[in-house]
Structure formats: structure tokens, C-alpha cells
Amino acid sequence: MELIIENVKRIYTAGKKGPLSGSMQGALSISGNRSIHISEGKIRGIYESGTGVPGAERIDGSGLIAIPGFIDSHTHMLYGGNRSREFELRAGGMTYLDLLKSGNGILKTVRDTRASPEIDLFSETAVRLESFMRNGVTAVEMKSGYGLELESEKRMISTMKMLEKAYDIRILKTFLPLHALPPESGRREYLEESVKMLSQLKGTFDFTDAFCDSGAFDVNEVGEYFSHAQKDKIPLRLHADEIDDIGATGLCDKFPIRSVDHLLKTQEKGMESVRRSGAVATILPSTAFSLGEKYADGRKWIEHGVPVAVASDHSPLNPVTNMQFVGNLAIRFCHLTVEETLNAMTANAAYSLDIQDKKGAIEEKMDADIVLYRADELRDIFYLWDTLKPYIVIRGGKIVCSEEPVEFEIN
């Protein structure tokens, strides 16, 4: 399909491919009155308006601004059941650790997910994924970790593949066995079982991850698990410093970790470990919102020269599917600028998932993942997060969502 979006009022995209850090975190290329030529799912060129492409279908982009599709680089979107009762309990003062000790929190979702047939996991997750796509997400990471035993973890990864095929959207699959300790296992027993599952499921996922924090797994346990993953050259991600700073970020000094996520409680020493390693710091503002916790200080990470990504961390605890709202929180409470936030959700998110050569920017040869808004300025996207919806969402060169029927003209 040959498509040209004509007369786009303004295009906002990263000034270069990720990772963007320090003063470059907010560097944008901004061009006005341009036409975007799309062919075979790729961006073929960005021209001054008025340049014709014979035979192409045309969309009038007058009055529209364009950004790269959002990339949500940290989600727990695939699960069974819900935790609406927990929402009430947390509002009444119960903490995350209180819930976990009482068999609720992650462990409730583990029970619900284990009991869910694959078709139910698919249909329930599809509703969430469709909401993300309507809100401009064009690539997404999904984690396992609500099975905590081989067959359930395998079913979760299989369901991700089914969703990827059904919706023709890039899903980066992360195997997360060290998410919580299953009630039927001892710590040593489960660590050994996780290593075994890693070997058995190798080749079916893109990354592996671990939750290194109070109430989850300690630095030595995660280090042992990562050592096995590194032998098989499996890319690593890390949950760290959500509840306490227990030294989790020090693992960056020993392992090639691609992204370190959460970071609500990270101290200066931990920031330096992440900076030296070249990892991305992925902050998750809507989780802090849902937990009623202090937000991660994105400004400190940028001042330390660490590339920052922003993701939703969608989960049963935090059922947010609107990246514009997540961006609003990042700007208001994590001290990022509008420009830094856009790069955090596009170029740096793409880099954290190792897809920066295809996604995360509007430029020639990149995948044609573009979101168009009827708006005046970039800041409006995050300011008007509830009322300003994407006008058109294009993924892989195809219009997948639109606010109203799209009228084509042929040159």
C-alpha cells in the first residue's frame, strides 16, 4: 500500500536514535508543513507539502500533529482475574507487603492466572491490548510471572504469541519467573526450578527479568539466576528499588542489563551503577500513582547522564492503558519536560527493547508507526490526556484506529 499523509502541521520525533541521555534526552527534530510517504509498512520519505507521489492514497493531514507511536516497554498486561478488592484495601491503608503476606497481591493473580484457560487469558488481555492500541501504542512489552510454574508460564508466553499474530503488533515477550515465591515452594527449590524453566523455555521469549526487592528476591538469588541466563546470552531486564533500595542496581556492575525499572527508592550509589552500565532507567509513574507512593525523580536520572524511558507498568494493581496519562504524571511528578517525556516513550523505550533500528522515530526506513492528533502543540497530548484522543493511529503502514472514517484521495 502506497500512502501519503499530506500537509501535516508539525512532526515531532527524536533528534537521533536512542539511547538519549543528559542534555539530549529532550532533543527533538521538529518539522512543519510536511508530507509523510509510506510504502510496504515503512516510511519512504518526508517531503515538503505539495510533493506528489503518483498512485498513492492520500490523507489530508491539515491541522494534525504527528508523533512516533508510543512504545510501552514495561507491562504485566497478561493475567487472569482482577484485584478490585485490593484497590479498596490499599485505599484503607494496607501496604503492598501486607497484601503479599496475606496471600493477596501477586499471589492472588497467580492463583487466578493458573486457573485461567488459554482462551480466557487471550480474550481478557485482548481487551486491554485494544485499549492500548486505541491510545496510540504501536509496540509493547509483556511479562509472564503470574504462573510461577512451567505449564502456566508456557501458557502465558503462548498467549502473547497468539495476541501478536491476531493483532499484527510487535510484542516483546519477557520471561519473569522471579516475580514472587509460589506458596508451594521453598526459596532454594524455586530458584532451581526457575533456572530449569529458563532452559526449557529458551527461544520462546525475548528477555528475562527478575524482581529484586524486599518481599521478592535478594541480590544473591537474582545474581545466581542472571548468571545462568548470561551463559545462554539471554538479554536481561530488572525490577529494582520499588519497595526498598536493597542494592539491586549493583547487579548492573556484574551483568549486561538492558533496562532497570521502577526505581522509586534508588540512592546515589545505585544511580552511578546504572550510569556506568549503559542501562536505561525505566520509570513507571502510574504505579506510584496507584500505590500512593512517592514518584521516581526522573530529573535526577537525567542529571546523572542515564537515558530515561517511561512505561505504564500496566498490571492488576495498576490497570492504566492511557500513555498520555502516564506522560502527564511523568511531567508533573517525575520532573521531566514534555520533550523528554516523548523521547522516553518512543526512542528510549525502543532502545530498552533493542528495536531502535525499526521503531521509535518518524524517519526514513523506519517502521511506519505514527500517531496523529488534532492538536496545536506537543504539550497538548499530555495536558489533555483524557479528552484529546489519537485522531489516526498507523502501525506498520496500516490505519488501525481512527476517530472518524478516513477519506482517501488518489493522486
Protein backbone atom coordinates (compact mmCIF):
# COMPACT_ATOMS: atom_id res chain seq x y z
CA MET A 1 0.00 0.00 0.00
CA GLU A 2 1.30 3.42 -1.02
CA LEU A 3 0.09 6.12 1.35
CA ILE A 4 0.96 9.76 1.78
CA ILE A 5 -0.17 11.90 4.70
CA GLU A 6 -0.17 15.39 3.25
CA ASN A 7 0.22 18.80 4.85
CA VAL A 8 0.98 17.59 8.39
CA LYS A 9 1.10 20.71 10.53
CA ARG A 10 4.03 19.52 12.64
CA ILE A 11 6.08 16.34 13.11
CA TYR A 12 7.77 15.73 16.46
CA THR A 13 10.36 12.97 16.67
CA ALA A 14 13.63 12.19 18.43
CA GLY A 15 16.63 14.12 17.19
CA LYS A 16 18.54 10.84 16.86
CA LYS A 17 18.13 7.17 17.72
CA GLY A 18 18.26 6.16 21.36
CA PRO A 19 19.62 5.99 23.87
CA LEU A 20 19.19 9.70 24.55
CA SER A 21 20.63 10.90 27.84
CA GLY A 22 21.61 14.08 29.63
CA SER A 23 21.00 17.18 27.57
CA MET A 24 20.00 15.00 24.59
CA GLN A 25 17.10 13.39 26.47
CA GLY A 26 14.80 16.17 25.25
CA ALA A 27 16.33 16.69 21.80
CA LEU A 28 13.59 16.68 19.18
CA SER A 29 13.51 17.15 15.45
CA ILE A 30 10.51 19.33 14.69
CA SER A 31 9.39 19.98 11.13
CA GLY A 32 6.31 21.75 9.81
CA ASN A 33 4.10 21.55 6.74
CA ARG A 34 5.40 18.15 5.67
CA SER A 35 4.06 15.07 3.92
CA ILE A 36 4.95 11.56 5.05
CA HIS A 37 5.28 8.90 2.36
CA ILE A 38 4.59 5.33 3.48
CA SER A 39 5.11 2.18 1.41
CA GLU A 40 5.18 -1.51 2.38
CA GLY A 41 4.93 -0.66 6.06
CA LYS A 42 7.95 1.66 6.06
CA ILE A 43 8.48 5.41 5.95
CA ARG A 44 9.89 6.07 2.49
CA GLY A 45 10.36 9.80 2.78
CA ILE A 46 9.32 13.04 4.45
CA TYR A 47 8.81 15.82 1.93
CA GLU A 48 7.74 19.42 1.73
CA SER A 49 4.00 19.53 1.26
CA GLY A 50 2.99 19.60 -2.38
CA THR A 51 5.42 16.89 -3.45
CA GLY A 52 3.38 14.29 -5.33
CA VAL A 53 3.61 10.51 -5.17
CA PRO A 54 1.82 9.12 -8.24
CA GLY A 55 -0.76 6.46 -7.45
CA ALA A 56 -0.57 6.87 -3.67
CA GLU A 57 -3.62 7.07 -1.48
CA ARG A 58 -3.67 10.41 0.28
CA ILE A 59 -4.83 11.53 3.71
CA ASP A 60 -5.24 15.23 4.40
CA GLY A 61 -3.10 15.92 7.45
CA SER A 62 -4.02 19.60 7.69
CA GLY A 63 -4.40 20.64 11.32
CA LEU A 64 -2.76 17.44 12.59
CA ILE A 65 0.46 16.91 14.53
CA ALA A 66 2.37 13.64 14.28
CA ILE A 67 4.47 11.72 16.81
CA PRO A 68 6.02 8.24 16.69
CA GLY A 69 3.78 5.51 18.07
CA PHE A 70 4.13 5.06 21.82
CA ILE A 71 6.23 2.06 22.88
CA ASP A 72 5.21 0.68 26.26
CA SER A 73 8.36 -1.06 27.45
CA HIS A 74 7.12 -2.49 30.77
CA THR A 75 3.74 -4.18 31.26
CA HIS A 76 2.19 -7.07 33.17
CA MET A 77 -0.79 -6.94 30.85
CA LEU A 78 -1.44 -10.68 30.60
CA TYR A 79 -3.17 -12.13 33.67
CA GLY A 80 -6.35 -13.77 34.91
CA GLY A 81 -8.90 -12.18 37.23
CA ASN A 82 -8.63 -8.76 38.84
CA ARG A 83 -7.70 -7.17 42.17
CA SER A 84 -10.52 -4.69 42.70
CA ARG A 85 -10.83 -5.77 46.36
CA GLU A 86 -7.16 -4.94 46.81
CA PHE A 87 -7.88 -1.45 45.48
CA GLU A 88 -10.22 -0.95 48.43
CA LEU A 89 -7.81 -2.50 50.92
CA ARG A 90 -4.91 -0.30 49.78
CA ALA A 91 -7.13 2.76 49.98
CA GLY A 92 -7.85 1.71 53.56
CA GLY A 93 -4.15 1.64 54.46
CA MET A 94 -2.84 -1.86 53.68
CA THR A 95 0.65 -1.83 52.17
CA TYR A 96 1.99 -3.83 49.25
CA LEU A 97 3.92 -6.10 51.63
CA ASP A 98 0.89 -6.52 53.92
CA LEU A 99 -1.13 -7.77 50.97
CA LEU A 100 1.62 -10.10 49.83
CA LYS A 101 1.99 -11.65 53.30
CA SER A 102 -1.77 -12.24 53.48
CA GLY A 103 -1.72 -14.24 50.23
CA ASN A 104 -3.15 -11.41 48.15
CA GLY A 105 -1.37 -9.09 45.71
CA ILE A 106 0.71 -11.01 43.17
CA LEU A 107 -0.22 -14.34 44.73
CA LYS A 108 -3.94 -13.79 44.11
CA THR A 109 -3.19 -13.09 40.46
CA VAL A 110 -1.03 -16.21 40.34
CA ARG A 111 -3.98 -18.30 41.55
CA ASP A 112 -6.35 -16.66 39.06
CA THR A 113 -3.92 -16.98 36.15
CA ARG A 114 -3.12 -20.62 36.84
CA ALA A 115 -6.88 -21.34 36.81
CA SER A 116 -7.50 -19.47 33.54
CA PRO A 117 -7.69 -21.43 30.26
CA GLU A 118 -5.60 -20.02 27.42
CA ILE A 119 -8.71 -18.74 25.60
CA ASP A 120 -9.74 -16.71 28.68
CA LEU A 121 -6.24 -15.28 29.07
CA PHE A 122 -6.33 -14.32 25.40
CA SER A 123 -9.75 -12.67 25.45
CA GLU A 124 -9.20 -10.76 28.71
CA THR A 125 -5.79 -9.49 27.60
CA ALA A 126 -7.12 -8.59 24.14
CA VAL A 127 -9.49 -6.06 25.74
CA ARG A 128 -6.53 -4.38 27.45
CA LEU A 129 -4.35 -4.51 24.35
CA GLU A 130 -7.08 -2.95 22.21
CA SER A 131 -7.34 -0.08 24.68
CA PHE A 132 -3.58 0.48 24.49
CA MET A 133 -3.74 0.48 20.70
CA ARG A 134 -6.61 3.00 20.61
CA ASN A 135 -4.44 5.18 22.86
CA GLY A 136 -1.55 5.19 20.38
CA VAL A 137 0.66 2.28 21.49
CA THR A 138 2.23 0.59 18.47
CA ALA A 139 4.66 -1.81 20.22
CA VAL A 140 4.50 -3.28 23.69
CA GLU A 141 6.45 -5.45 26.11
CA MET A 142 4.56 -8.12 28.07
CA LYS A 143 5.87 -10.12 31.02
CA SER A 144 4.98 -13.56 32.27
CA GLY A 145 5.40 -14.14 36.01
CA TYR A 146 1.85 -14.90 37.10
CA GLY A 147 2.28 -18.63 36.51
CA LEU A 148 5.41 -19.42 38.55
CA GLU A 149 5.45 -23.00 37.28
CA LEU A 150 6.33 -24.39 33.87
CA GLU A 151 2.96 -25.09 32.28
CA SER A 152 1.39 -21.79 33.37
CA GLU A 153 4.43 -19.75 32.31
CA LYS A 154 4.47 -21.58 28.98
CA ARG A 155 0.75 -20.81 28.54
CA MET A 156 1.36 -17.12 29.19
CA ILE A 157 4.12 -16.91 26.57
CA SER A 158 2.00 -18.88 24.09
CA THR A 159 -0.88 -16.42 24.63
CA MET A 160 1.46 -13.48 23.92
CA LYS A 161 2.33 -15.09 20.59
CA MET A 162 -1.37 -15.56 19.79
CA LEU A 163 -2.05 -11.89 20.55
CA GLU A 164 0.91 -10.77 18.44
CA LYS A 165 -0.39 -12.74 15.47
CA ALA A 166 -4.03 -11.76 15.91
CA TYR A 167 -3.35 -8.03 16.19
CA ASP A 168 -0.24 -7.77 14.00
CA ILE A 169 1.53 -5.74 16.68
CA ARG A 170 5.10 -6.19 17.90
CA ILE A 171 5.00 -7.78 21.36
CA LEU A 172 8.34 -8.16 23.15
CA LYS A 173 7.98 -11.19 25.41
CA THR A 174 9.71 -11.23 28.81
CA PHE A 175 10.02 -14.36 30.95
CA LEU A 176 9.71 -13.35 34.63
CA PRO A 177 9.93 -16.40 36.90
CA LEU A 178 11.46 -14.47 39.83
CA HIS A 179 8.35 -12.35 40.34
CA ALA A 180 7.18 -13.88 43.62
CA LEU A 181 7.78 -17.04 45.60
CA PRO A 182 4.97 -19.52 44.89
CA PRO A 183 3.34 -20.74 48.11
CA GLU A 184 4.10 -24.39 47.36
CA SER A 185 7.89 -23.88 47.05
CA GLY A 186 10.86 -23.10 49.26
CA ARG A 187 13.24 -20.36 48.16
CA ARG A 188 16.11 -22.63 47.10
CA GLU A 189 13.77 -25.08 45.44
CA TYR A 190 12.06 -22.36 43.42
CA LEU A 191 15.32 -20.72 42.35
CA GLU A 192 16.49 -24.04 40.95
CA GLU A 193 13.10 -24.54 39.28
CA SER A 194 13.36 -21.08 37.68
CA VAL A 195 16.75 -21.93 36.20
CA LYS A 196 15.25 -25.15 34.85
CA MET A 197 12.30 -23.27 33.30
CA LEU A 198 14.73 -20.79 31.75
CA SER A 199 16.39 -23.65 29.92
CA GLN A 200 13.13 -25.34 28.95
CA LEU A 201 11.51 -22.17 27.56
CA LYS A 202 14.64 -20.68 25.97
CA GLY A 203 13.93 -19.44 22.46
CA THR A 204 10.27 -18.63 23.12
CA PHE A 205 10.85 -15.17 24.65
CA ASP A 206 12.97 -12.06 24.07
CA PHE A 207 14.14 -11.12 27.59
CA THR A 208 14.21 -12.46 31.10
CA ASP A 209 13.56 -10.36 34.19
CA ALA A 210 13.64 -10.59 37.99
CA PHE A 211 12.05 -8.69 40.87
CA CYS A 212 14.94 -7.83 43.22
CA ASP A 213 13.40 -6.11 46.24
CA SER A 214 12.10 -6.53 49.77
CA GLY A 215 9.44 -9.23 49.82
CA ALA A 216 10.66 -10.64 46.49
CA PHE A 217 14.19 -11.94 45.72
CA ASP A 218 17.52 -10.76 47.06
CA VAL A 219 20.65 -9.71 45.18
CA ASN A 220 22.37 -13.08 45.55
CA GLU A 221 19.35 -15.02 44.28
CA VAL A 222 18.88 -12.77 41.28
CA GLY A 223 22.62 -12.78 40.59
CA GLU A 224 22.64 -16.58 40.52
CA TYR A 225 19.67 -16.63 38.13
CA PHE A 226 21.20 -13.98 35.86
CA SER A 227 24.45 -15.96 35.72
CA HIS A 228 22.57 -18.85 34.13
CA ALA A 229 20.76 -16.51 31.73
CA GLN A 230 24.04 -14.88 30.71
CA LYS A 231 25.55 -18.26 29.81
CA ASP A 232 22.78 -18.60 27.23
CA LYS A 233 23.16 -14.94 26.15
CA ILE A 234 19.57 -14.14 27.13
CA PRO A 235 19.03 -10.34 27.38
CA LEU A 236 18.29 -9.11 30.90
CA ARG A 237 15.84 -6.68 32.47
CA LEU A 238 15.47 -5.89 36.18
CA HIS A 239 12.79 -4.75 38.64
CA ALA A 240 14.64 -2.73 41.29
CA ASP A 241 14.10 -0.31 44.17
CA GLU A 242 10.29 -0.24 44.07
CA ILE A 243 9.87 -1.04 47.78
CA ASP A 244 13.39 -0.57 49.19
CA ASP A 245 16.91 0.03 47.94
CA ILE A 246 18.48 -3.35 48.78
CA GLY A 247 21.40 -2.90 46.38
CA ALA A 248 19.63 -4.35 43.33
CA THR A 249 21.11 -1.80 40.94
CA GLY A 250 24.57 -3.08 41.87
CA LEU A 251 23.77 -6.05 39.61
CA CYS A 252 24.40 -3.64 36.73
CA ASP A 253 28.10 -3.77 37.62
CA LYS A 254 28.13 -7.54 37.02
CA PHE A 255 25.63 -8.16 34.22
CA PRO A 256 24.69 -6.51 30.89
CA ILE A 257 21.23 -5.41 31.97
CA ARG A 258 19.29 -3.59 29.25
CA SER A 259 16.75 -1.80 31.45
CA VAL A 260 16.35 -1.23 35.20
CA ASP A 261 12.75 -0.47 36.12
CA HIS A 262 10.67 1.12 38.93
CA LEU A 263 13.46 2.99 40.82
CA LEU A 264 11.26 4.69 43.40
CA LYS A 265 13.85 4.34 46.18
CA THR A 266 17.21 4.39 44.34
CA GLN A 267 20.09 6.18 46.09
CA GLU A 268 23.06 7.96 44.50
CA LYS A 269 25.28 4.87 44.52
CA GLY A 270 22.68 2.90 42.60
CA MET A 271 22.28 5.65 40.03
CA GLU A 272 26.01 5.57 39.38
CA SER A 273 25.92 1.79 38.85
CA VAL A 274 23.19 2.18 36.25
CA ARG A 275 25.04 5.05 34.55
CA ARG A 276 28.28 3.08 34.27
CA SER A 277 26.47 0.09 32.82
CA GLY A 278 24.72 1.95 29.99
CA ALA A 279 21.32 0.56 31.03
CA VAL A 280 18.11 2.50 30.57
CA ALA A 281 16.31 3.73 33.70
CA THR A 282 12.62 3.00 33.13
CA ILE A 283 10.33 4.91 35.45
CA LEU A 284 6.70 3.90 35.94
CA PRO A 285 4.68 6.90 37.15
CA SER A 286 1.25 5.31 37.11
CA THR A 287 2.43 2.61 39.54
CA ALA A 288 3.43 5.29 42.03
CA PHE A 289 0.01 6.86 41.40
CA SER A 290 -1.78 3.54 42.02
CA LEU A 291 0.29 2.73 45.12
CA GLY A 292 0.11 6.24 46.54
CA GLU A 293 3.93 6.22 46.67
CA LYS A 294 6.48 8.94 46.09
CA TYR A 295 7.35 9.22 42.38
CA ALA A 296 10.72 8.38 40.86
CA ASP A 297 12.77 11.52 40.25
CA GLY A 298 13.39 11.41 36.52
CA ARG A 299 15.31 14.70 36.66
CA LYS A 300 18.00 13.17 38.89
CA TRP A 301 18.46 10.28 36.47
CA ILE A 302 18.84 12.68 33.56
CA GLU A 303 21.33 14.78 35.53
CA HIS A 304 23.32 11.58 36.17
CA GLY A 305 23.54 11.05 32.41
CA VAL A 306 21.28 7.98 32.37
CA PRO A 307 18.80 7.52 29.48
CA VAL A 308 15.27 7.53 30.87
CA ALA A 309 12.30 5.61 29.49
CA VAL A 310 8.72 5.93 30.73
CA ALA A 311 6.30 2.99 30.70
CA SER A 312 2.86 2.16 32.09
CA ASP A 313 3.60 -0.95 34.18
CA HIS A 314 0.01 -1.97 33.49
CA SER A 315 -0.96 -4.74 35.94
CA PRO A 316 -3.90 -5.83 38.09
CA LEU A 317 -2.59 -3.37 40.68
CA ASN A 318 -2.29 -0.56 38.13
CA PRO A 319 -4.85 -1.03 35.30
CA VAL A 320 -3.83 2.06 33.28
CA THR A 321 -3.86 1.82 29.46
CA ASN A 322 -3.50 5.52 28.60
CA MET A 323 0.11 6.54 27.89
CA GLN A 324 -0.92 10.19 27.67
CA PHE A 325 -1.95 9.98 31.34
CA VAL A 326 1.34 8.25 32.19
CA GLY A 327 3.14 11.09 30.42
CA ASN A 328 1.13 13.67 32.33
CA LEU A 329 2.32 12.10 35.60
CA ALA A 330 5.94 11.96 34.36
CA ILE A 331 5.85 15.68 33.60
CA ARG A 332 4.04 16.75 36.78
CA PHE A 333 5.66 14.48 39.37
CA CYS A 334 8.85 12.97 37.88
CA HIS A 335 10.14 16.38 36.70
CA LEU A 336 10.57 15.54 33.01
CA THR A 337 9.89 18.11 30.31
CA VAL A 338 7.31 17.45 27.59
CA GLU A 339 10.09 16.79 25.08
CA GLU A 340 11.97 14.44 27.42
CA THR A 341 8.76 12.53 28.06
CA LEU A 342 8.06 11.99 24.37
CA ASN A 343 11.59 10.63 23.83
CA ALA A 344 11.24 8.49 26.95
CA MET A 345 8.12 6.85 25.48
CA THR A 346 9.49 6.42 21.96
CA ALA A 347 13.25 6.47 21.20
CA ASN A 348 14.49 5.40 24.64
CA ALA A 349 11.72 2.84 25.11
CA ALA A 350 12.67 1.39 21.71
CA TYR A 351 16.32 1.23 22.73
CA SER A 352 15.46 -0.52 26.01
CA LEU A 353 13.76 -3.24 23.93
CA ASP A 354 16.53 -3.34 21.30
CA ILE A 355 14.14 -2.33 18.49
CA GLN A 356 15.61 1.15 17.92
CA ASP A 357 16.55 0.36 14.32
CA LYS A 358 12.89 -0.12 13.40
CA LYS A 359 10.74 1.79 15.86
CA GLY A 360 10.67 4.90 17.98
CA ALA A 361 11.10 7.66 15.37
CA ILE A 362 9.46 9.17 12.30
CA GLU A 363 12.25 8.99 9.77
CA GLU A 364 13.10 7.31 6.51
CA LYS A 365 13.42 3.48 6.57
CA MET A 366 11.76 3.16 10.00
CA ASP A 367 8.52 1.24 10.53
CA ALA A 368 5.56 3.47 9.74
CA ASP A 369 4.23 3.64 13.32
CA ILE A 370 2.70 7.09 13.59
CA VAL A 371 0.04 8.71 15.79
CA LEU A 372 -1.77 11.81 14.54
CA TYR A 373 -3.61 14.22 16.83
CA ARG A 374 -5.83 17.16 16.03
CA ALA A 375 -3.90 19.47 18.33
CA ASP A 376 -1.94 22.71 18.34
CA GLU A 377 1.17 21.73 20.30
CA LEU A 378 3.02 18.65 21.55
CA ARG A 379 2.24 19.55 25.17
CA ASP A 380 -1.50 19.26 24.45
CA ILE A 381 -1.12 15.48 24.10
CA PHE A 382 -0.17 15.14 27.77
CA TYR A 383 -2.12 18.12 29.11
CA LEU A 384 -5.41 16.96 27.56
CA TRP A 385 -4.79 13.29 28.33
CA ASP A 386 -8.45 12.45 28.93
CA THR A 387 -10.15 14.34 26.11
CA LEU A 388 -7.58 14.53 23.30
CA LYS A 389 -7.62 11.07 21.73
CA PRO A 390 -5.49 10.00 18.77
CA TYR A 391 -7.17 11.09 15.56
CA ILE A 392 -5.46 8.37 13.50
CA VAL A 393 -3.14 5.55 14.61
CA ILE A 394 -0.96 3.99 11.91
CA ARG A 395 1.00 0.83 12.67
CA GLY A 396 3.19 -0.83 10.07
CA GLY A 397 1.77 1.48 7.45
CA LYS A 398 -1.83 0.45 8.14
CA ILE A 399 -4.50 2.61 9.72
CA VAL A 400 -5.52 0.59 12.78
CA CYS A 401 -7.61 3.21 14.64
CA SER A 402 -9.25 6.45 13.64
CA GLU A 403 -11.58 8.88 15.36
CA GLU A 404 -13.77 9.07 12.26
CA PRO A 405 -13.82 7.34 8.87
CA VAL A 406 -10.70 8.21 6.86
CA GLU A 407 -11.31 9.60 3.39
CA PHE A 408 -8.67 8.73 0.81
CA GLU A 409 -7.86 10.51 -2.40
CA ILE A 410 -5.70 9.11 -5.20
CA ASN A 411 -3.01 11.22 -6.86
